């Protein structure tokens, strides 16, 4: 079954190394990062940029000086300036949204070739002023005399001068992602030892895939300004020496007294970018391109954020599988975003539960059990890192590369996102 009348091919993809926020890419904007894999794709494929019909990129933290990231990619990657470009935000599933938006354009016959991806420069997150200071600055900008400018600040108090730091929290619930995930871990009975084991496995697999070159195939080296050295060629968060003893020694960070989530079993704040080239299958064949794979179906779902905020994949996955006419057991490989180990384990638990299927999904039996060996075989976001807007595309690229290496036919990508959103994509190869 193919929901698309026109098959959507992912021809190639690549990304920057993912690095901890505030380190190597501290002076780079999301646009600086995004142009690197975007430009590299044309070098790798030899595709004429004139063939591209649209550019769609995802980002979560908007750059106040360049809010339309996709348009900046057009300018900075040397693409034709006539190119249509728009930016999407579906929280941590933003580059999934960029890919599916591009796929929809192709499916509708509105484009043949789309450049899609995402980027995040969490190091460049804007620092806001308090409302009293913001009002005063606005009034001062309209003042016509020095006295009026000074008067504009008469109601500002010393405490108002403190900047407002960015926070990864739900505007609706007021809880941070970590606090919400602590709630999930508690309600689902997810133990600290299970979370630490998943985190160690993520690091061990990512370290092995780095050492044997599997992850490196898709990484574009970066020379960060202003000195353009040293060269960044690998993900910086991967720990070759990760072990359970060291993981167990870490203290909880979101609930310091009773919590189970630590810096070790949670994904770190990360900078990075990813990009892919999408084409209609007919266009890819005409250009002589050999697709990595084809998007068979996708689905998004949402739930009440006061419920289990990061449980969205358990709702999106069965929709995507049904649309593709396949089952979870048919999936040769699965890439599931690791926002937190507890979130992954909670979703796996839900998918394997008859009760969850009956009470929450309206299905007679469970969606299925994912074999741990097939889950995130090259490591996940806990080890590799999580630049919000870039992770979805990274998962798709990583999945298809490993499917190609193994000769696999079907694969699944899933992402949890802020607001109680879940995303799922079914990919296939010839």
Protein backbone atom coordinates (compact mmCIF):
# COMPACT_ATOMS: atom_id res chain seq x y z
CA UNK A 1 0.00 0.00 0.00
CA UNK A 2 1.34 3.43 -0.94
CA UNK A 3 -0.58 6.49 0.31
CA UNK A 4 1.41 8.53 -2.21
CA UNK A 5 0.45 8.10 -5.85
CA UNK A 6 3.97 9.29 -6.62
CA UNK A 7 6.76 7.57 -4.70
CA UNK A 8 8.94 9.93 -2.69
CA UNK A 9 12.63 9.12 -2.80
CA UNK A 10 15.27 10.24 -0.31
CA UNK A 11 18.29 10.40 -2.59
CA UNK A 12 21.01 11.42 -0.13
CA UNK A 13 21.55 13.04 3.24
CA UNK A 14 24.30 14.30 5.49
CA UNK A 15 24.85 16.32 8.65
CA UNK A 16 27.35 18.22 10.71
CA UNK A 17 28.89 16.58 13.74
CA UNK A 18 26.56 17.15 16.71
CA UNK A 19 28.35 18.97 19.54
CA UNK A 20 27.47 20.11 23.03
CA UNK A 21 25.98 23.59 23.24
CA UNK A 22 28.40 26.32 24.19
CA UNK A 23 31.46 24.55 22.77
CA UNK A 24 32.77 24.30 19.19
CA UNK A 25 29.78 25.95 17.49
CA UNK A 26 29.22 28.64 20.12
CA UNK A 27 29.77 31.43 17.56
CA UNK A 28 27.70 29.84 14.79
CA UNK A 29 24.05 30.54 14.02
CA UNK A 30 21.54 27.95 12.83
CA UNK A 31 21.95 29.35 9.30
CA UNK A 32 25.75 28.97 9.54
CA UNK A 33 25.29 25.34 10.49
CA UNK A 34 22.49 24.51 8.05
CA UNK A 35 24.35 25.69 4.97
CA UNK A 36 27.11 23.13 5.56
CA UNK A 37 25.17 19.87 4.97
CA UNK A 38 22.92 21.63 2.45
CA UNK A 39 25.87 22.66 0.30
CA UNK A 40 27.61 19.31 0.76
CA UNK A 41 24.66 17.43 -0.72
CA UNK A 42 25.21 19.06 -4.09
CA UNK A 43 28.91 18.21 -3.96
CA UNK A 44 28.16 14.57 -3.14
CA UNK A 45 25.39 14.04 -5.67
CA UNK A 46 26.60 16.35 -8.45
CA UNK A 47 23.03 17.66 -8.69
CA UNK A 48 22.63 21.03 -10.39
CA UNK A 49 21.09 23.41 -7.79
CA UNK A 50 18.84 24.70 -10.59
CA UNK A 51 16.95 21.40 -10.37
CA UNK A 52 15.68 22.21 -6.86
CA UNK A 53 12.10 23.47 -6.68
CA UNK A 54 11.73 24.21 -2.96
CA UNK A 55 13.67 24.36 0.31
CA UNK A 56 12.07 23.43 3.65
CA UNK A 57 13.95 23.49 6.95
CA UNK A 58 12.95 22.97 10.55
CA UNK A 59 14.08 24.95 13.58
CA UNK A 60 12.78 25.31 17.11
CA UNK A 61 14.66 28.33 18.42
CA UNK A 62 13.98 31.12 15.93
CA UNK A 63 16.86 33.47 15.17
CA UNK A 64 15.37 36.96 15.69
CA UNK A 65 17.65 38.32 12.96
CA UNK A 66 16.92 35.55 10.42
CA UNK A 67 13.65 33.82 11.36
CA UNK A 68 13.15 32.07 8.01
CA UNK A 69 16.02 29.59 8.25
CA UNK A 70 15.15 27.88 4.95
CA UNK A 71 15.51 31.12 3.03
CA UNK A 72 18.89 31.73 4.63
CA UNK A 73 19.96 28.25 3.48
CA UNK A 74 19.06 29.24 -0.08
CA UNK A 75 21.30 32.30 0.15
CA UNK A 76 24.21 30.73 2.01
CA UNK A 77 24.36 27.37 0.20
CA UNK A 78 24.53 29.05 -3.21
CA UNK A 79 21.09 27.96 -4.40
CA UNK A 80 19.08 29.97 -6.97
CA UNK A 81 17.63 33.00 -5.20
CA UNK A 82 14.30 32.49 -6.94
CA UNK A 83 13.85 29.31 -4.87
CA UNK A 84 10.74 29.00 -2.73
CA UNK A 85 11.72 28.43 0.90
CA UNK A 86 9.91 28.17 4.21
CA UNK A 87 10.68 27.14 7.77
CA UNK A 88 8.62 24.82 9.97
CA UNK A 89 8.46 24.21 13.71
CA UNK A 90 7.04 21.02 15.18
CA UNK A 91 9.35 21.11 18.19
CA UNK A 92 11.74 18.11 18.24
CA UNK A 93 10.03 16.69 15.14
CA UNK A 94 10.72 19.83 13.08
CA UNK A 95 12.96 18.21 10.48
CA UNK A 96 10.51 15.31 10.23
CA UNK A 97 7.94 17.98 9.39
CA UNK A 98 10.33 19.56 6.89
CA UNK A 99 10.74 16.19 5.15
CA UNK A 100 7.02 15.37 5.08
CA UNK A 101 6.15 18.90 3.93
CA UNK A 102 8.65 18.49 1.09
CA UNK A 103 7.26 15.04 0.31
CA UNK A 104 3.74 16.46 0.13
CA UNK A 105 4.86 19.11 -2.36
CA UNK A 106 6.33 16.39 -4.55
CA UNK A 107 3.30 14.11 -4.17
CA UNK A 108 0.98 16.92 -5.25
CA UNK A 109 3.08 17.63 -8.31
CA UNK A 110 4.08 21.05 -7.01
CA UNK A 111 7.77 20.13 -6.96
CA UNK A 112 10.10 17.47 -8.32
CA UNK A 113 13.13 18.10 -6.10
CA UNK A 114 13.09 19.45 -2.52
CA UNK A 115 15.98 20.25 -0.20
CA UNK A 116 14.83 19.57 3.37
CA UNK A 117 16.41 19.41 6.80
CA UNK A 118 16.82 21.23 10.06
CA UNK A 119 19.27 22.98 12.31
CA UNK A 120 19.59 24.21 15.86
CA UNK A 121 22.05 26.58 17.47
CA UNK A 122 21.10 26.28 21.11
CA UNK A 123 24.29 28.18 21.93
CA UNK A 124 22.70 31.18 20.21
CA UNK A 125 19.36 31.02 22.06
CA UNK A 126 18.17 34.64 22.48
CA UNK A 127 18.21 36.09 25.98
CA UNK A 128 15.07 38.13 26.66
CA UNK A 129 14.48 41.20 28.77
CA UNK A 130 11.66 41.38 31.32
CA UNK A 131 8.39 42.96 30.17
CA UNK A 132 8.96 46.24 32.11
CA UNK A 133 12.35 46.72 30.42
CA UNK A 134 10.95 45.77 27.01
CA UNK A 135 8.15 48.33 27.38
CA UNK A 136 10.63 50.97 28.50
CA UNK A 137 12.94 50.32 25.56
CA UNK A 138 10.02 50.56 23.13
CA UNK A 139 8.86 53.82 24.66
CA UNK A 140 12.40 55.21 24.60
CA UNK A 141 12.77 54.34 20.92
CA UNK A 142 9.77 56.57 20.18
CA UNK A 143 10.89 59.43 22.42
CA UNK A 144 11.83 62.75 20.86
CA UNK A 145 13.96 64.15 23.65
CA UNK A 146 16.49 62.97 26.21
CA UNK A 147 14.03 63.73 29.01
CA UNK A 148 11.40 61.52 27.41
CA UNK A 149 13.93 58.71 27.00
CA UNK A 150 14.90 58.90 30.66
CA UNK A 151 11.26 59.13 31.74
CA UNK A 152 10.48 55.92 29.84
CA UNK A 153 12.55 54.00 32.40
CA UNK A 154 11.05 55.55 35.53
CA UNK A 155 9.01 52.44 36.39
CA UNK A 156 11.85 49.99 35.83
CA UNK A 157 13.11 48.42 39.06
CA UNK A 158 16.54 46.80 39.61
CA UNK A 159 15.01 43.31 39.60
CA UNK A 160 13.55 44.03 36.15
CA UNK A 161 17.06 44.35 34.73
CA UNK A 162 17.74 40.66 35.19
CA UNK A 163 17.63 38.93 31.78
CA UNK A 164 15.15 36.11 31.22
CA UNK A 165 17.11 32.95 30.31
CA UNK A 166 15.65 30.48 27.77
CA UNK A 167 13.88 27.51 29.31
CA UNK A 168 12.89 24.14 27.82
CA UNK A 169 9.48 24.06 29.42
CA UNK A 170 5.90 23.64 28.34
CA UNK A 171 4.19 27.01 28.21
CA UNK A 172 0.85 25.29 28.91
CA UNK A 173 1.84 23.05 31.82
CA UNK A 174 4.79 25.03 33.18
CA UNK A 175 6.79 21.82 33.52
CA UNK A 176 10.15 21.22 31.90
CA UNK A 177 10.63 18.21 29.64
CA UNK A 178 12.63 16.50 32.34
CA UNK A 179 9.98 17.10 34.99
CA UNK A 180 7.31 15.71 32.66
CA UNK A 181 9.47 12.68 31.90
CA UNK A 182 10.03 12.07 35.63
CA UNK A 183 6.25 11.87 35.89
CA UNK A 184 6.19 9.30 33.08
CA UNK A 185 8.91 7.22 34.68
CA UNK A 186 7.07 7.21 37.99
CA UNK A 187 3.66 6.36 36.53
CA UNK A 188 5.03 3.63 34.25
CA UNK A 189 7.34 2.06 36.80
CA UNK A 190 10.49 2.73 34.77
CA UNK A 191 13.46 1.99 37.01
CA UNK A 192 16.68 4.01 37.20
CA UNK A 193 18.74 0.90 36.37
CA UNK A 194 16.79 0.35 33.14
CA UNK A 195 17.34 3.95 32.09
CA UNK A 196 21.05 3.80 32.80
CA UNK A 197 21.40 0.56 30.83
CA UNK A 198 19.71 2.10 27.80
CA UNK A 199 21.99 5.14 28.03
CA UNK A 200 25.14 3.01 28.26
CA UNK A 201 23.99 0.95 25.28
CA UNK A 202 23.40 4.14 23.31
CA UNK A 203 26.96 5.33 23.99
CA UNK A 204 28.52 1.94 23.31
CA UNK A 205 26.74 1.56 19.98
CA UNK A 206 27.52 5.14 18.91
CA UNK A 207 31.18 4.66 19.89
CA UNK A 208 31.36 1.46 17.85
CA UNK A 209 29.67 3.10 14.85
CA UNK A 210 32.08 6.03 15.10
CA UNK A 211 35.10 3.74 15.29
CA UNK A 212 34.10 1.63 12.27
CA UNK A 213 33.08 4.64 10.18
CA UNK A 214 29.34 3.99 9.92
CA UNK A 215 28.38 7.29 11.53
CA UNK A 216 31.19 9.12 9.76
CA UNK A 217 29.76 8.38 6.30
CA UNK A 218 27.15 11.08 6.77
CA UNK A 219 29.18 13.62 8.73
CA UNK A 220 30.54 16.76 7.06
CA UNK A 221 33.58 18.19 8.89
CA UNK A 222 33.12 21.71 10.23
CA UNK A 223 35.75 24.44 10.62
CA UNK A 224 34.19 26.77 13.22
CA UNK A 225 34.79 30.51 13.03
CA UNK A 226 36.44 32.78 13.95
CA UNK A 227 39.69 30.78 13.81
CA UNK A 228 38.31 27.98 11.59
CA UNK A 229 40.22 25.44 13.65
CA UNK A 230 40.38 22.88 15.03
CA UNK A 231 38.28 20.88 12.60
CA UNK A 232 35.24 19.18 14.14
CA UNK A 233 34.80 15.78 12.51
CA UNK A 234 32.97 13.67 15.13
CA UNK A 235 30.02 13.96 17.50
CA UNK A 236 31.39 15.34 20.75
CA UNK A 237 29.07 13.75 23.29
CA UNK A 238 29.76 10.06 22.56
CA UNK A 239 31.51 8.35 25.47
CA UNK A 240 33.64 5.36 24.53
CA UNK A 241 34.13 4.52 28.21
CA UNK A 242 30.45 4.68 29.22
CA UNK A 243 29.64 2.09 31.88
CA UNK A 244 26.88 1.33 34.35
CA UNK A 245 28.99 2.08 37.40
CA UNK A 246 29.74 5.65 36.32
CA UNK A 247 26.17 6.15 35.09
CA UNK A 248 24.72 5.01 38.41
CA UNK A 249 26.88 7.52 40.30
CA UNK A 250 25.22 10.52 38.64
CA UNK A 251 22.66 12.46 40.68
CA UNK A 252 19.10 13.18 39.48
CA UNK A 253 18.73 16.65 37.97
CA UNK A 254 14.97 17.28 37.66
CA UNK A 255 13.78 15.77 40.94
CA UNK A 256 16.86 15.83 43.13
CA UNK A 257 15.27 13.90 45.97
CA UNK A 258 13.24 11.13 44.36
CA UNK A 259 14.06 11.40 40.65
CA UNK A 260 15.61 8.88 38.26
CA UNK A 261 16.57 11.17 35.34
CA UNK A 262 20.20 12.26 35.24
CA UNK A 263 22.47 14.09 32.83
CA UNK A 264 23.67 10.65 31.76
CA UNK A 265 20.34 9.12 30.78
CA UNK A 266 19.02 12.30 29.14
CA UNK A 267 19.99 13.86 25.81
CA UNK A 268 22.26 16.91 26.11
CA UNK A 269 21.68 20.41 24.74
CA UNK A 270 23.30 20.24 21.32
CA UNK A 271 24.15 22.29 18.22
CA UNK A 272 24.05 20.83 14.71
CA UNK A 273 22.34 20.56 11.33
CA UNK A 274 21.08 17.89 8.93
CA UNK A 275 19.88 17.96 5.33
CA UNK A 276 18.38 15.57 2.77
CA UNK A 277 17.47 15.65 -0.91
CA UNK A 278 13.96 14.47 -1.77
CA UNK A 279 12.72 13.68 -5.28
CA UNK A 280 9.81 12.06 -7.01
CA UNK A 281 10.95 8.58 -8.03
CA UNK A 282 10.46 9.40 -11.69
CA UNK A 283 12.64 12.50 -11.36
CA UNK A 284 15.35 10.57 -9.52
CA UNK A 285 15.43 7.94 -12.24
CA UNK A 286 15.53 10.60 -14.96
CA UNK A 287 18.51 12.26 -13.27
CA UNK A 288 20.30 8.95 -12.78
CA UNK A 289 20.10 9.15 -8.97
CA UNK A 290 19.99 5.98 -6.89
CA UNK A 291 17.62 6.58 -3.94
CA UNK A 292 18.62 5.54 -0.45
CA UNK A 293 14.98 4.74 0.21
CA UNK A 294 11.36 5.77 -0.18
CA UNK A 295 8.90 7.32 2.25
CA UNK A 296 6.09 4.79 2.47
CA UNK A 297 3.94 6.61 5.02
CA UNK A 298 4.00 9.02 7.93
CA UNK A 299 1.75 10.10 10.79
CA UNK A 300 1.61 12.70 13.54
CA UNK A 301 -0.38 12.39 16.74
CA UNK A 302 -0.96 14.38 19.90
CA UNK A 303 -2.12 13.85 23.45
CA UNK A 304 -2.90 15.99 26.48
CA UNK A 305 0.45 17.36 27.74
CA UNK A 306 -0.81 16.99 31.32
CA UNK A 307 -1.01 13.23 30.64
CA UNK A 308 2.31 11.71 29.52
CA UNK A 309 3.96 14.46 27.53
CA UNK A 310 6.47 12.37 25.57
CA UNK A 311 4.23 9.39 24.81
CA UNK A 312 3.32 10.71 21.35
CA UNK A 313 5.22 8.00 19.41
CA UNK A 314 2.98 5.29 20.89
CA UNK A 315 0.04 7.04 19.22
CA UNK A 316 1.75 8.03 15.95
CA UNK A 317 3.49 4.71 15.22
CA UNK A 318 0.34 2.58 14.81
CA UNK A 319 -1.14 5.24 12.49
CA UNK A 320 1.93 5.26 10.26
CA UNK A 321 2.10 1.46 10.19
CA UNK A 322 -1.57 1.18 9.28
CA UNK A 323 -1.20 3.74 6.49
CA UNK A 324 1.74 1.77 5.12
CA UNK A 325 -0.14 -1.52 5.32
CA UNK A 326 2.50 -3.12 7.52
CA UNK A 327 2.99 -4.13 11.16
CA UNK A 328 5.63 -3.39 13.76
CA UNK A 329 6.89 -6.94 13.35
CA UNK A 330 7.66 -6.16 9.69
CA UNK A 331 10.18 -3.46 10.64
CA UNK A 332 13.76 -4.58 10.10
CA UNK A 333 15.17 -1.57 11.98
CA UNK A 334 13.76 1.16 14.22
CA UNK A 335 15.23 4.57 15.00
CA UNK A 336 13.52 6.11 18.03
CA UNK A 337 14.59 9.53 19.26
CA UNK A 338 16.07 9.31 22.75
CA UNK A 339 15.02 12.53 24.45
CA UNK A 340 15.33 10.61 27.72
CA UNK A 341 15.86 6.92 28.39
CA UNK A 342 12.65 6.91 30.43
CA UNK A 343 10.70 8.29 27.46
CA UNK A 344 11.98 5.52 25.16
CA UNK A 345 11.20 2.83 27.71
CA UNK A 346 7.73 4.26 28.35
CA UNK A 347 6.88 4.20 24.65
CA UNK A 348 8.23 0.67 24.21
CA UNK A 349 6.13 -0.40 27.18
CA UNK A 350 2.99 1.20 25.72
CA UNK A 351 3.49 -0.37 22.29
CA UNK A 352 3.85 -3.79 23.89
CA UNK A 353 0.74 -3.42 26.09
CA UNK A 354 -2.66 -4.91 25.22
CA UNK A 355 -4.24 -2.70 27.86
CA UNK A 356 -2.75 0.47 26.39
CA UNK A 357 -3.92 -0.58 22.92
CA UNK A 358 -7.45 -1.24 24.10
CA UNK A 359 -7.87 1.75 26.42
CA UNK A 360 -5.92 4.42 24.53
CA UNK A 361 -5.77 3.34 20.90
CA UNK A 362 -9.09 1.54 20.50
CA UNK A 363 -7.26 -1.51 19.16
CA UNK A 364 -7.95 -5.13 20.18
CA UNK A 365 -4.33 -5.97 20.89
CA UNK A 366 -0.90 -4.46 21.34
CA UNK A 367 0.99 -2.75 18.52
CA UNK A 368 3.99 -4.99 19.10
CA UNK A 369 7.37 -5.54 20.72
CA UNK A 370 10.53 -3.95 19.33
CA UNK A 371 13.58 -6.18 19.48
CA UNK A 372 16.29 -4.21 21.36
CA UNK A 373 18.86 -5.41 18.81
CA UNK A 374 16.96 -3.63 16.04
CA UNK A 375 16.43 -0.43 18.01
CA UNK A 376 18.92 2.42 17.45
CA UNK A 377 21.71 0.08 16.30
CA UNK A 378 24.21 2.93 15.91
CA UNK A 379 23.26 4.72 19.12
CA UNK A 380 20.68 7.41 19.71
CA UNK A 381 20.23 10.98 20.84
CA UNK A 382 21.50 10.35 24.37
CA UNK A 383 24.93 9.59 22.94
CA UNK A 384 24.92 11.43 19.62
CA UNK A 385 23.17 14.56 20.84
CA UNK A 386 19.91 16.33 20.07
CA UNK A 387 19.89 19.62 18.11
CA UNK A 388 16.09 20.00 18.26
CA UNK A 389 15.48 21.00 14.65
CA UNK A 390 18.00 18.56 13.15
CA UNK A 391 17.34 15.27 14.92
CA UNK A 392 14.46 14.01 12.75
CA UNK A 393 16.50 14.20 9.56
CA UNK A 394 19.46 12.59 11.33
CA UNK A 395 17.26 9.64 12.27
CA UNK A 396 16.06 9.18 8.69
CA UNK A 397 19.55 9.32 7.23
CA UNK A 398 20.96 6.99 9.88
CA UNK A 399 18.12 4.50 9.41
CA UNK A 400 18.42 4.34 5.63
CA UNK A 401 22.21 4.02 5.67
CA UNK A 402 22.05 1.08 8.04
CA UNK A 403 19.18 -0.48 6.08
CA UNK A 404 21.33 -0.23 2.98
CA UNK A 405 24.30 -1.82 4.73
CA UNK A 406 22.19 -4.71 6.02
CA UNK A 407 20.07 -5.16 2.93
CA UNK A 408 16.95 -4.41 4.99
CA UNK A 409 13.64 -3.55 3.35
CA UNK A 410 11.51 -1.74 5.93
CA UNK A 411 12.36 0.69 8.71
CA UNK A 412 10.62 2.98 11.20
CA UNK A 413 11.51 6.41 12.58
CA UNK A 414 9.74 7.92 15.57
CA UNK A 415 10.13 11.16 17.51
CA UNK A 416 8.51 12.58 20.63
CA UNK A 417 8.09 16.35 20.75
CA UNK A 418 6.97 19.17 23.01
CA UNK A 419 3.26 19.77 23.36
CA UNK A 420 2.50 16.04 23.57
CA UNK A 421 3.27 15.48 19.88
CA UNK A 422 4.50 12.27 18.29
CA UNK A 423 5.84 11.63 14.79
CA UNK A 424 6.37 8.37 12.91
CA UNK A 425 7.67 7.57 9.42
CA UNK A 426 7.85 4.25 7.59
CA UNK A 427 10.70 3.96 5.08
CA UNK A 428 11.33 1.25 2.52
CA UNK A 429 14.09 0.21 0.15
CA UNK A 430 13.91 -1.74 -3.07
